[in-house]
């Protein structure tokens, strides 16, 4: 029996002993175990893990990696690790379901054998046992501190999986804690919260609920110590203090009264109320701007009114670029791009807004008076959208990531995460800034220096650049358009050969200027949902708001299709 541990630093265990695997081979195995039962395409795996190699060489590297995994996890006389490949076919790479390989993630996220899917643990004892055992087994964040430099597609997949696993864990924690509070078994609830904090030590909701349960159990000193642990963790990781709600819990517990006036468990809100709605993951970019104190608090207070005015003007720039306001502090603000209105080009619009704000602040520094410092961070990731009107990013992963990014930015600079830099590459001037840490993960940072000359002249809506060597392909597309017979056209090929450029040139044809066009971008983290492009394409024209539950969305979509 082999056990793949993905909570914490990833490792494969055999009878309790680690199996030595090449780092990239371990990442390949983790990707396959987290994939679908249908497996993953060989070209996708080859380009993901060997992006700089030609197709033939990357395919050979993939075959060698699969052979190495077979050898390392071989069981004499037992079933093979992968399903066999017959003749000269090139089927997806699929793990053999009969091979004795388990993962701690599957023990938590896969329903028990007696259930087809997870039920509320209050209604299903089997699901309760499965979830509770899986959460107690968490040894850290998903694939903690793991990275493959140079494999950007894998890094994007890993970031998406970390957020997906985190929200699934929160769903389980939410329901189990409520169940154990109703049963008046605080020791079981505390064990679940301990697993949740092992995965995300900066989760204030779990810290606060732990404090309450410890105080109710009569362990006041442990509850107060939990607050200090929370405070130190937030300071070290994010440079912030606990929020008002956590401080209020602390003040209630340390009150002189022998029995703190704490709300009964039955009256408490869920840990993560946003998860009660039908969630949807979607890509988004966060822009964080801060004007930190400089020259001592006394000197800084003299220019606070001017800082407020400057932030107002900077927020106006972000809003005009299509951003949605997030939180606003005395010296900082957060804006979201891509969560409403204009989902396409979110990272580009955030970058342009950041450069305009940087120019605004620097122009103020050129005038008389004390110089105003400035730091900025840009991070792209996936956020969970819940009910209409609910705040974005209830997990806080993207917003905390961009906050951690800005903390490491030097004064006067714009620091961009790797995931955002990938979306800006070729259109903006990016300079490597060395290794940074985002929520405990080592990654590469980039400094945003400006736009490329072509991007400045072109902008987002300009005509595409001239197309060379693709006249024959373009003629085929024009011919199909003139036939006007309807249908679906697939343009496929290796990464970087110009598929997007070809389509941009085709869509710029005069005959299409009056046509209705709907653009949908697909990302590697959405590959497990085969209908993701269809849903995204229909949602806007049909008028289905983000976060709408299935029962409400279905009649709207049905009416749209019939019309």
Protein backbone atom coordinates (compact mmCIF):
# COMPACT_ATOMS: atom_id res chain seq x y z
CA UNK A 1 0.00 0.00 0.00
CA UNK A 2 1.30 3.43 -0.98
CA UNK A 3 0.13 6.63 0.67
CA UNK A 4 0.56 9.98 -1.11
CA UNK A 5 0.49 12.79 1.45
CA UNK A 6 -0.39 16.14 -0.12
CA UNK A 7 -1.33 18.10 3.01
CA UNK A 8 2.00 19.59 4.02
CA UNK A 9 5.19 18.92 2.03
CA UNK A 10 4.23 16.20 -0.50
CA UNK A 11 5.68 12.73 0.01
CA UNK A 12 4.88 9.13 -0.94
CA UNK A 13 5.00 6.63 1.93
CA UNK A 14 5.33 2.85 1.71
CA UNK A 15 4.77 1.07 5.02
CA UNK A 16 5.48 4.37 6.76
CA UNK A 17 8.77 4.99 4.96
CA UNK A 18 9.23 7.72 2.31
CA UNK A 19 9.75 6.64 -1.30
CA UNK A 20 12.45 8.63 -3.08
CA UNK A 21 11.10 10.33 -6.19
CA UNK A 22 12.38 13.06 -8.46
CA UNK A 23 10.65 16.34 -7.60
CA UNK A 24 9.05 16.68 -11.04
CA UNK A 25 7.91 13.05 -11.00
CA UNK A 26 6.27 13.63 -7.61
CA UNK A 27 4.47 16.66 -9.05
CA UNK A 28 3.34 14.56 -12.03
CA UNK A 29 1.93 11.89 -9.71
CA UNK A 30 0.11 14.52 -7.64
CA UNK A 31 -1.39 16.06 -10.78
CA UNK A 32 -2.67 12.65 -11.94
CA UNK A 33 -4.19 11.77 -8.56
CA UNK A 34 -6.01 15.12 -8.44
CA UNK A 35 -7.24 14.76 -12.04
CA UNK A 36 -10.38 13.12 -13.36
CA UNK A 37 -11.00 9.39 -13.73
CA UNK A 38 -10.64 9.84 -17.51
CA UNK A 39 -6.99 10.78 -17.05
CA UNK A 40 -4.99 13.67 -18.50
CA UNK A 41 -3.86 14.17 -22.09
CA UNK A 42 -0.23 13.41 -22.84
CA UNK A 43 0.42 16.67 -24.77
CA UNK A 44 -0.97 18.65 -21.83
CA UNK A 45 1.28 16.84 -19.33
CA UNK A 46 4.32 17.14 -21.60
CA UNK A 47 3.89 20.88 -22.16
CA UNK A 48 3.07 21.46 -18.47
CA UNK A 49 6.18 19.83 -17.04
CA UNK A 50 8.63 20.40 -19.92
CA UNK A 51 7.44 23.72 -21.39
CA UNK A 52 10.80 24.71 -22.90
CA UNK A 53 11.34 21.47 -24.83
CA UNK A 54 10.15 20.75 -28.39
CA UNK A 55 7.06 18.48 -28.60
CA UNK A 56 9.05 15.35 -29.46
CA UNK A 57 11.56 15.81 -26.66
CA UNK A 58 8.91 16.73 -24.06
CA UNK A 59 6.96 13.59 -25.03
CA UNK A 60 10.07 11.47 -24.47
CA UNK A 61 10.61 13.14 -21.09
CA UNK A 62 7.04 12.32 -20.13
CA UNK A 63 7.49 8.65 -21.08
CA UNK A 64 10.69 8.46 -19.03
CA UNK A 65 8.95 10.06 -16.05
CA UNK A 66 6.06 7.59 -16.24
CA UNK A 67 8.51 4.68 -16.45
CA UNK A 68 10.37 6.00 -13.40
CA UNK A 69 7.12 6.15 -11.43
CA UNK A 70 6.26 2.60 -12.49
CA UNK A 71 9.66 1.39 -11.28
CA UNK A 72 9.59 3.30 -7.99
CA UNK A 73 6.05 2.15 -7.13
CA UNK A 74 6.33 -1.36 -8.55
CA UNK A 75 4.58 -4.23 -6.75
CA UNK A 76 5.92 -7.63 -7.94
CA UNK A 77 2.98 -9.63 -9.23
CA UNK A 78 0.57 -6.79 -8.44
CA UNK A 79 -1.48 -4.48 -10.62
CA UNK A 80 0.36 -1.83 -12.68
CA UNK A 81 0.34 1.83 -11.63
CA UNK A 82 -1.10 3.01 -14.96
CA UNK A 83 -3.72 1.47 -17.18
CA UNK A 84 -2.04 -0.26 -20.15
CA UNK A 85 -1.78 1.36 -23.60
CA UNK A 86 -2.74 -0.88 -26.55
CA UNK A 87 -1.19 -0.77 -30.03
CA UNK A 88 -0.13 2.68 -31.24
CA UNK A 89 -2.95 4.66 -29.65
CA UNK A 90 -2.18 7.74 -27.58
CA UNK A 91 -4.85 7.65 -24.86
CA UNK A 92 -4.76 9.90 -21.80
CA UNK A 93 -2.53 8.90 -18.90
CA UNK A 94 -4.77 7.18 -16.35
CA UNK A 95 -3.98 5.78 -12.93
CA UNK A 96 -5.10 2.20 -12.41
CA UNK A 97 -8.01 2.25 -9.91
CA UNK A 98 -6.93 -1.23 -8.71
CA UNK A 99 -3.45 -0.04 -7.77
CA UNK A 100 -3.10 0.33 -3.95
CA UNK A 101 -2.43 4.08 -3.87
CA UNK A 102 -4.31 6.37 -1.50
CA UNK A 103 -4.00 10.08 -0.77
CA UNK A 104 -4.86 12.08 2.32
CA UNK A 105 -6.75 14.49 0.06
CA UNK A 106 -9.00 11.75 -1.34
CA UNK A 107 -9.68 10.47 2.17
CA UNK A 108 -11.07 13.93 2.94
CA UNK A 109 -12.64 15.03 -0.32
CA UNK A 110 -13.99 11.73 -1.69
CA UNK A 111 -17.26 10.50 -0.13
CA UNK A 112 -17.30 7.21 1.78
CA UNK A 113 -18.03 4.03 -0.23
CA UNK A 114 -21.58 3.92 1.12
CA UNK A 115 -22.46 7.34 -0.35
CA UNK A 116 -22.47 8.52 -3.96
CA UNK A 117 -21.69 12.07 -2.81
CA UNK A 118 -21.10 13.93 0.43
CA UNK A 119 -24.16 14.59 2.56
CA UNK A 120 -24.46 16.98 5.46
CA UNK A 121 -22.65 15.19 8.34
CA UNK A 122 -25.65 15.97 10.56
CA UNK A 123 -27.72 13.63 8.37
CA UNK A 124 -25.13 10.97 7.49
CA UNK A 125 -22.90 9.32 10.14
CA UNK A 126 -20.63 7.81 7.44
CA UNK A 127 -19.91 11.24 5.94
CA UNK A 128 -19.32 12.67 9.41
CA UNK A 129 -16.70 10.03 10.24
CA UNK A 130 -15.02 10.43 6.85
CA UNK A 131 -14.80 14.23 7.06
CA UNK A 132 -13.69 14.36 10.69
CA UNK A 133 -10.97 11.76 10.16
CA UNK A 134 -9.73 13.53 7.02
CA UNK A 135 -9.52 16.96 8.67
CA UNK A 136 -7.64 15.60 11.68
CA UNK A 137 -5.11 14.16 9.22
CA UNK A 138 -4.23 17.57 7.71
CA UNK A 139 -0.54 18.25 8.25
CA UNK A 140 -0.29 21.64 6.56
CA UNK A 141 -1.34 23.59 3.45
CA UNK A 142 -1.89 21.64 0.23
CA UNK A 143 1.57 20.77 -1.21
CA UNK A 144 3.16 23.18 1.24
CA UNK A 145 6.23 25.09 0.00
CA UNK A 146 6.28 23.01 -3.21
CA UNK A 147 7.19 24.70 -6.48
CA UNK A 148 8.58 23.85 -9.93
CA UNK A 149 10.50 26.88 -11.25
CA UNK A 150 10.06 27.24 -14.98
CA UNK A 151 6.81 25.24 -15.13
CA UNK A 152 4.29 28.08 -15.19
CA UNK A 153 1.32 25.92 -16.21
CA UNK A 154 1.92 23.67 -13.21
CA UNK A 155 2.21 26.69 -10.92
CA UNK A 156 -1.15 27.98 -12.19
CA UNK A 157 -2.71 24.52 -11.67
CA UNK A 158 -1.21 24.31 -8.17
CA UNK A 159 -2.53 27.73 -7.16
CA UNK A 160 -6.00 26.78 -8.35
CA UNK A 161 -5.93 23.44 -6.55
CA UNK A 162 -4.77 25.06 -3.31
CA UNK A 163 -7.77 27.37 -3.37
CA UNK A 164 -10.14 24.56 -4.39
CA UNK A 165 -8.94 22.28 -1.60
CA UNK A 166 -9.12 25.12 0.91
CA UNK A 167 -12.76 25.89 0.12
CA UNK A 168 -13.65 22.19 0.31
CA UNK A 169 -11.97 21.96 3.70
CA UNK A 170 -13.87 25.05 4.87
CA UNK A 171 -17.14 23.46 3.80
CA UNK A 172 -16.36 20.45 5.96
CA UNK A 173 -15.17 22.51 8.92
CA UNK A 174 -18.29 24.68 8.74
CA UNK A 175 -20.67 21.76 9.06
CA UNK A 176 -18.71 19.65 11.52
CA UNK A 177 -18.18 22.50 14.00
CA UNK A 178 -21.89 23.36 13.93
CA UNK A 179 -22.75 19.68 14.47
CA UNK A 180 -20.38 19.26 17.42
CA UNK A 181 -21.55 22.51 19.00
CA UNK A 182 -25.14 21.26 18.85
CA UNK A 183 -24.02 18.01 20.47
CA UNK A 184 -22.09 19.93 23.15
CA UNK A 185 -18.86 18.06 22.32
CA UNK A 186 -16.33 20.92 22.22
CA UNK A 187 -13.33 18.57 22.20
CA UNK A 188 -14.44 17.21 18.81
CA UNK A 189 -15.01 20.72 17.43
CA UNK A 190 -11.57 21.80 18.69
CA UNK A 191 -9.92 18.85 16.92
CA UNK A 192 -11.59 19.90 13.64
CA UNK A 193 -10.53 23.54 14.10
CA UNK A 194 -6.97 22.42 14.82
CA UNK A 195 -6.87 20.67 11.43
CA UNK A 196 -8.28 23.75 9.70
CA UNK A 197 -5.62 25.98 11.30
CA UNK A 198 -2.90 23.53 10.24
CA UNK A 199 -3.97 24.18 6.66
CA UNK A 200 -4.32 27.98 7.04
CA UNK A 201 -2.76 29.40 10.22
CA UNK A 202 -3.97 32.92 9.30
CA UNK A 203 -7.69 31.99 9.36
CA UNK A 204 -9.17 34.37 11.95
CA UNK A 205 -12.61 32.74 11.88
CA UNK A 206 -11.12 29.47 13.11
CA UNK A 207 -8.93 31.22 15.69
CA UNK A 208 -11.97 33.08 17.07
CA UNK A 209 -14.16 29.97 17.29
CA UNK A 210 -11.31 28.08 18.98
CA UNK A 211 -11.07 30.84 21.59
CA UNK A 212 -14.81 30.64 22.28
CA UNK A 213 -14.82 26.85 22.67
CA UNK A 214 -11.78 26.87 24.95
CA UNK A 215 -13.36 29.55 27.17
CA UNK A 216 -16.66 27.66 27.36
CA UNK A 217 -14.74 24.54 28.38
CA UNK A 218 -13.29 26.47 31.32
CA UNK A 219 -9.80 26.80 29.83
CA UNK A 220 -9.57 30.59 29.87
CA UNK A 221 -5.77 30.69 29.84
CA UNK A 222 -5.65 28.52 26.71
CA UNK A 223 -8.25 30.77 25.05
CA UNK A 224 -6.16 33.89 25.76
CA UNK A 225 -3.02 32.08 24.55
CA UNK A 226 -4.88 31.24 21.33
CA UNK A 227 -5.47 34.95 20.75
CA UNK A 228 -1.76 35.65 21.17
CA UNK A 229 -0.99 32.85 18.71
CA UNK A 230 -3.44 34.38 16.24
CA UNK A 231 -1.98 37.85 16.75
CA UNK A 232 1.62 36.70 16.22
CA UNK A 233 0.71 34.63 13.17
CA UNK A 234 -1.08 37.54 11.49
CA UNK A 235 1.77 39.93 12.28
CA UNK A 236 4.44 37.58 10.93
CA UNK A 237 2.55 36.46 7.82
CA UNK A 238 0.56 39.55 6.83
CA UNK A 239 1.79 42.44 8.96
CA UNK A 240 -1.72 43.13 10.33
CA UNK A 241 -3.52 42.95 13.67
CA UNK A 242 -6.59 40.76 14.40
CA UNK A 243 -9.85 42.24 13.17
CA UNK A 244 -12.48 43.86 15.38
CA UNK A 245 -14.53 40.68 15.79
CA UNK A 246 -11.57 38.64 17.01
CA UNK A 247 -10.57 41.42 19.43
CA UNK A 248 -14.13 41.56 20.75
CA UNK A 249 -14.03 37.83 21.53
CA UNK A 250 -10.73 38.36 23.33
CA UNK A 251 -12.11 41.21 25.43
CA UNK A 252 -15.16 39.15 26.44
CA UNK A 253 -12.98 36.25 27.54
CA UNK A 254 -10.60 38.38 29.61
CA UNK A 255 -13.47 40.26 31.33
CA UNK A 256 -13.39 40.03 35.15
CA UNK A 257 -16.61 38.00 35.29
CA UNK A 258 -16.11 34.31 36.10
CA UNK A 259 -18.37 33.21 33.26
CA UNK A 260 -17.84 35.26 30.10
CA UNK A 261 -21.06 36.40 28.43
CA UNK A 262 -20.65 34.38 25.25
CA UNK A 263 -23.43 33.64 22.81
CA UNK A 264 -24.91 30.11 22.99
CA UNK A 265 -23.71 27.76 20.22
CA UNK A 266 -27.20 27.52 18.74
CA UNK A 267 -27.29 31.29 18.13
CA UNK A 268 -23.92 31.59 16.45
CA UNK A 269 -23.46 32.27 12.79
CA UNK A 270 -21.68 29.66 10.61
CA UNK A 271 -17.92 30.04 10.43
CA UNK A 272 -18.09 30.82 6.71
CA UNK A 273 -21.67 31.96 5.90
CA UNK A 274 -20.85 32.63 2.22
CA UNK A 275 -20.49 28.89 1.65
CA UNK A 276 -24.23 28.37 2.10
CA UNK A 277 -24.78 29.56 -1.47
CA UNK A 278 -24.04 27.82 -4.75
CA UNK A 279 -20.40 28.79 -5.32
CA UNK A 280 -18.58 29.40 -8.56
CA UNK A 281 -14.86 29.77 -9.05
CA UNK A 282 -13.72 32.45 -11.45
CA UNK A 283 -10.39 34.10 -12.28
CA UNK A 284 -9.82 37.61 -10.93
CA UNK A 285 -6.97 40.06 -10.37
CA UNK A 286 -6.46 42.04 -7.17
CA UNK A 287 -4.71 45.44 -7.04
CA UNK A 288 -3.50 46.65 -3.65
CA UNK A 289 -2.14 50.18 -3.20
CA UNK A 290 -0.64 51.49 0.04
CA UNK A 291 1.00 54.72 1.13
CA UNK A 292 2.89 53.59 4.25
CA UNK A 293 4.00 55.88 7.05
CA UNK A 294 7.43 57.43 6.66
CA UNK A 295 9.49 59.87 8.66
CA UNK A 296 7.80 58.99 11.98
CA UNK A 297 4.14 59.02 12.88
CA UNK A 298 4.22 62.66 13.95
CA UNK A 299 5.57 63.84 10.60
CA UNK A 300 3.28 61.49 8.73
CA UNK A 301 0.17 62.82 10.47
CA UNK A 302 0.80 66.25 8.95
CA UNK A 303 0.10 64.95 5.45
CA UNK A 304 -2.78 62.59 6.25
CA UNK A 305 -5.37 64.88 4.59
CA UNK A 306 -3.24 65.00 1.45
CA UNK A 307 -2.82 61.22 1.54
CA UNK A 308 -6.59 60.80 1.74
CA UNK A 309 -7.03 63.08 -1.26
CA UNK A 310 -4.32 61.23 -3.17
CA UNK A 311 -5.94 57.85 -2.43
CA UNK A 312 -9.29 59.21 -3.61
CA UNK A 313 -7.73 60.18 -6.93
CA UNK A 314 -5.92 56.83 -7.17
CA UNK A 315 -9.17 54.94 -6.45
CA UNK A 316 -10.85 56.95 -9.19
CA UNK A 317 -8.18 55.76 -11.64
CA UNK A 318 -8.74 52.13 -10.64
CA UNK A 319 -12.51 52.50 -10.93
CA UNK A 320 -12.28 54.09 -14.38
CA UNK A 321 -10.13 51.12 -15.46
CA UNK A 322 -13.03 48.80 -14.67
CA UNK A 323 -12.09 47.87 -11.12
CA UNK A 324 -14.52 47.08 -8.32
CA UNK A 325 -13.73 48.62 -4.90
CA UNK A 326 -12.76 46.25 -2.12
CA UNK A 327 -11.69 47.26 1.35
CA UNK A 328 -10.45 50.79 2.06
CA UNK A 329 -8.16 51.80 4.93
CA UNK A 330 -6.62 55.12 5.96
CA UNK A 331 -3.50 54.51 3.90
CA UNK A 332 -4.48 51.77 1.46
CA UNK A 333 -7.19 50.27 -0.72
CA UNK A 334 -7.95 47.06 -2.58
CA UNK A 335 -9.58 46.87 -6.01
CA UNK A 336 -10.85 43.81 -7.90
CA UNK A 337 -10.63 43.38 -11.66
CA UNK A 338 -12.59 40.76 -13.58
CA UNK A 339 -15.36 40.04 -11.07
CA UNK A 340 -18.07 42.03 -12.84
CA UNK A 341 -18.74 43.94 -16.02
CA UNK A 342 -15.46 43.32 -17.86
CA UNK A 343 -14.08 39.84 -17.11
CA UNK A 344 -11.64 39.86 -20.03
CA UNK A 345 -8.24 41.55 -19.74
CA UNK A 346 -8.51 41.97 -15.96
CA UNK A 347 -4.78 41.72 -15.31
CA UNK A 348 -3.96 44.21 -18.09
CA UNK A 349 -6.42 46.78 -16.77
CA UNK A 350 -5.07 46.35 -13.25
CA UNK A 351 -1.52 46.86 -14.51
CA UNK A 352 -2.45 50.01 -16.44
CA UNK A 353 -4.23 51.38 -13.38
CA UNK A 354 -1.19 50.64 -11.20
CA UNK A 355 1.15 52.45 -13.59
CA UNK A 356 -1.17 55.46 -13.72
CA UNK A 357 -1.36 55.56 -9.91
CA UNK A 358 2.42 55.26 -9.68
CA UNK A 359 2.78 58.22 -12.04
CA UNK A 360 0.26 60.20 -9.96
CA UNK A 361 2.15 59.58 -6.70
CA UNK A 362 5.55 60.30 -8.25
CA UNK A 363 4.29 63.55 -9.74
CA UNK A 364 3.22 64.58 -6.23
CA UNK A 365 6.72 63.74 -4.99
CA UNK A 366 8.25 66.03 -7.58
CA UNK A 367 6.46 69.03 -6.00
CA UNK A 368 7.39 70.77 -2.78
CA UNK A 369 6.72 69.11 0.54
CA UNK A 370 7.65 65.75 2.08
CA UNK A 371 7.90 62.84 -0.33
CA UNK A 372 5.00 60.40 -0.16
CA UNK A 373 6.05 56.70 -0.25
CA UNK A 374 4.14 54.21 -2.36
CA UNK A 375 3.96 50.40 -2.71
CA UNK A 376 1.69 48.35 -4.90
CA UNK A 377 0.96 44.66 -5.50
CA UNK A 378 -0.87 42.83 -8.31
CA UNK A 379 -1.94 39.20 -7.99
CA UNK A 380 -4.14 37.01 -10.19
CA UNK A 381 -5.92 33.94 -8.91
CA UNK A 382 -9.29 32.28 -8.56
CA UNK A 383 -11.95 33.57 -6.20
CA UNK A 384 -15.20 32.07 -5.04
CA UNK A 385 -18.33 34.02 -5.88
CA UNK A 386 -21.30 33.16 -3.70
CA UNK A 387 -24.66 34.87 -3.42
CA UNK A 388 -25.39 37.99 -5.48
CA UNK A 389 -24.15 40.98 -3.52
CA UNK A 390 -21.86 38.88 -1.32
CA UNK A 391 -18.27 40.14 -1.00
CA UNK A 392 -15.77 38.44 -3.32
CA UNK A 393 -13.06 36.06 -2.17
CA UNK A 394 -14.65 34.69 1.03
CA UNK A 395 -11.62 32.41 1.49
CA UNK A 396 -9.42 35.50 1.54
CA UNK A 397 -6.68 33.70 -0.38
CA UNK A 398 -6.28 36.17 -3.24
CA UNK A 399 -6.71 39.29 -1.10
CA UNK A 400 -4.21 38.05 1.48
CA UNK A 401 -1.81 37.08 -1.29
CA UNK A 402 -1.80 40.57 -2.79
CA UNK A 403 -1.38 42.05 0.69
CA UNK A 404 1.65 39.82 1.32
CA UNK A 405 2.97 40.85 -2.09
CA UNK A 406 2.80 44.57 -1.33
CA UNK A 407 4.54 44.02 2.02
CA UNK A 408 7.62 42.79 0.14
CA UNK A 409 7.58 45.54 -2.50
CA UNK A 410 10.25 48.21 -2.23
CA UNK A 411 9.14 51.80 -1.86
CA UNK A 412 7.97 53.28 -5.16
CA UNK A 413 7.61 49.95 -6.99
CA UNK A 414 4.84 47.70 -8.28
CA UNK A 415 5.43 44.04 -7.39
CA UNK A 416 3.63 41.46 -9.52
CA UNK A 417 3.08 37.80 -8.67
CA UNK A 418 4.08 35.06 -11.09
CA UNK A 419 0.46 34.24 -11.92
CA UNK A 420 -0.25 37.88 -12.85
CA UNK A 421 3.05 38.25 -14.71
CA UNK A 422 2.10 35.29 -16.89
CA UNK A 423 -0.98 37.23 -18.06
CA UNK A 424 1.00 40.43 -18.67
CA UNK A 425 3.94 38.88 -20.50
CA UNK A 426 4.64 40.43 -23.91
CA UNK A 427 2.52 43.52 -23.30
CA UNK A 428 4.26 45.00 -20.25
CA UNK A 429 7.87 45.48 -19.22
CA UNK A 430 8.56 43.04 -16.40
CA UNK A 431 11.79 42.64 -14.47
CA UNK A 432 12.54 39.67 -12.22
CA UNK A 433 12.58 40.68 -8.57
CA UNK A 434 13.95 37.45 -7.11
CA UNK A 435 12.27 35.02 -4.75
CA UNK A 436 9.34 36.14 -2.61
CA UNK A 437 6.95 34.36 -0.24
CA UNK A 438 3.17 34.42 -0.59
CA UNK A 439 1.24 32.78 2.24
CA UNK A 440 4.20 30.60 3.10
CA UNK A 441 4.91 29.56 -0.49
CA UNK A 442 8.18 30.44 -2.23
CA UNK A 443 7.64 31.89 -5.69
CA UNK A 444 9.15 34.37 -8.12
CA UNK A 445 8.19 38.06 -8.12
CA UNK A 446 8.34 40.60 -10.94
CA UNK A 447 8.62 44.38 -11.02
CA UNK A 448 6.23 46.18 -13.37
CA UNK A 449 8.25 48.84 -15.21
CA UNK A 450 5.78 49.98 -17.88
CA UNK A 451 4.03 48.96 -21.08
CA UNK A 452 5.77 47.78 -24.20
CA UNK A 453 5.84 50.22 -27.11
CA UNK A 454 3.38 48.14 -29.12
CA UNK A 455 0.94 47.92 -26.23
CA UNK A 456 1.01 51.67 -25.66
CA UNK A 457 0.18 52.37 -29.29
CA UNK A 458 -2.34 49.59 -29.63
CA UNK A 459 -4.25 49.36 -26.38
CA UNK A 460 -6.81 46.60 -25.85
CA UNK A 461 -9.16 47.45 -28.70
CA UNK A 462 -6.75 48.20 -31.54
CA UNK A 463 -6.31 46.25 -34.73
CA UNK A 464 -4.10 43.16 -34.42
CA UNK A 465 -0.49 43.28 -35.67
CA UNK A 466 0.29 42.00 -39.16
CA UNK A 467 0.13 38.22 -39.55
CA UNK A 468 3.04 36.51 -41.30
CA UNK A 469 3.10 32.98 -42.68
CA UNK A 470 -0.53 32.19 -41.83
CA UNK A 471 -2.26 33.43 -44.99
CA UNK A 472 -3.41 29.92 -45.92
CA UNK A 473 -4.98 29.33 -42.48
CA UNK A 474 -6.63 32.74 -42.58
CA UNK A 475 -8.05 31.99 -46.05
CA UNK A 476 -9.60 28.76 -44.72
CA UNK A 477 -11.34 30.69 -41.95
CA UNK A 478 -12.63 33.30 -44.40
CA UNK A 479 -13.96 30.59 -46.69
CA UNK A 480 -15.87 28.96 -43.84
CA UNK A 481 -17.30 32.34 -42.87
CA UNK A 482 -18.53 33.02 -46.41
CA UNK A 483 -20.32 29.67 -46.56
CA UNK A 484 -22.35 30.80 -43.55
CA UNK A 485 -23.50 27.26 -42.77
CA UNK A 486 -22.98 27.41 -39.02
CA UNK A 487 -21.06 24.90 -36.94
CA UNK A 488 -18.10 24.71 -34.60
CA UNK A 489 -14.52 25.34 -35.66
CA UNK A 490 -11.58 24.13 -33.56
CA UNK A 491 -8.15 25.70 -33.94
CA UNK A 492 -5.56 23.57 -32.18
CA UNK A 493 -1.80 23.35 -32.00
CA UNK A 494 1.19 23.54 -29.68
CA UNK A 495 1.54 26.46 -27.29
CA UNK A 496 3.11 29.58 -28.78
CA UNK A 497 2.57 28.84 -32.50
CA UNK A 498 0.14 31.74 -32.98
CA UNK A 499 -3.38 30.38 -32.51
CA UNK A 500 -4.54 33.50 -30.67
CA UNK A 501 -2.92 35.81 -33.23
CA UNK A 502 -4.63 33.93 -36.05
CA UNK A 503 -8.05 34.28 -34.42
CA UNK A 504 -7.50 37.97 -33.67
CA UNK A 505 -6.67 38.58 -37.33
CA UNK A 506 -9.75 36.62 -38.39
CA UNK A 507 -12.08 38.50 -36.04
CA UNK A 508 -10.82 41.82 -37.39
CA UNK A 509 -12.41 41.12 -40.81
CA UNK A 510 -14.74 43.95 -41.94
CA UNK A 511 -17.66 41.54 -42.35
CA UNK A 512 -17.50 40.74 -38.63
CA UNK A 513 -17.56 44.32 -37.38
CA UNK A 514 -21.34 44.22 -36.95
CA UNK A 515 -21.41 40.64 -35.69
CA UNK A 516 -22.16 39.67 -32.12
CA UNK A 517 -18.98 38.21 -30.64
CA UNK A 518 -18.66 36.48 -27.30
CA UNK A 519 -15.14 35.81 -25.97
CA UNK A 520 -14.56 33.25 -23.24
CA UNK A 521 -11.13 32.47 -21.79
CA UNK A 522 -10.47 29.01 -20.38
CA UNK A 523 -7.78 28.26 -17.83
CA UNK A 524 -5.94 25.04 -16.89
CA UNK A 525 -7.63 24.94 -13.48
CA UNK A 526 -11.03 24.68 -15.22
CA UNK A 527 -10.12 21.65 -17.34
CA UNK A 528 -12.07 19.28 -15.06
CA UNK A 529 -15.34 20.99 -16.05
CA UNK A 530 -16.06 20.13 -19.71
CA UNK A 531 -19.02 22.55 -19.87
CA UNK A 532 -17.15 25.51 -18.34
CA UNK A 533 -16.87 27.43 -21.68
CA UNK A 534 -20.55 26.84 -22.47
CA UNK A 535 -21.68 28.07 -19.06
CA UNK A 536 -19.47 31.16 -19.26
CA UNK A 537 -20.63 31.92 -22.79
CA UNK A 538 -24.35 31.70 -21.94
CA UNK A 539 -24.29 33.39 -18.54
CA UNK A 540 -23.79 36.96 -19.81
CA UNK A 541 -26.26 37.06 -22.74
CA UNK A 542 -28.89 35.13 -20.77
CA UNK A 543 -28.68 37.59 -17.88
CA UNK A 544 -27.85 35.07 -15.16
CA UNK A 545 -26.03 36.89 -12.32
CA UNK A 546 -22.96 35.39 -10.68
CA UNK A 547 -23.78 33.10 -7.77
CA UNK A 548 -27.36 32.36 -8.88
CA UNK A 549 -28.52 28.99 -7.58
CA UNK A 550 -29.29 26.23 -10.08
CA UNK A 551 -33.04 26.27 -9.38
CA UNK A 552 -33.21 29.96 -10.26
CA UNK A 553 -30.76 29.86 -13.17
CA UNK A 554 -32.38 26.95 -15.04
CA UNK A 555 -35.64 28.65 -16.11
CA UNK A 556 -33.70 31.77 -17.14
CA UNK A 557 -31.36 29.74 -19.35
CA UNK A 558 -34.25 27.71 -20.76
CA UNK A 559 -36.14 30.86 -21.71
CA UNK A 560 -33.01 32.32 -23.35
CA UNK A 561 -32.32 29.18 -25.43
CA UNK A 562 -35.93 28.92 -26.61
CA UNK A 563 -36.00 32.56 -27.64
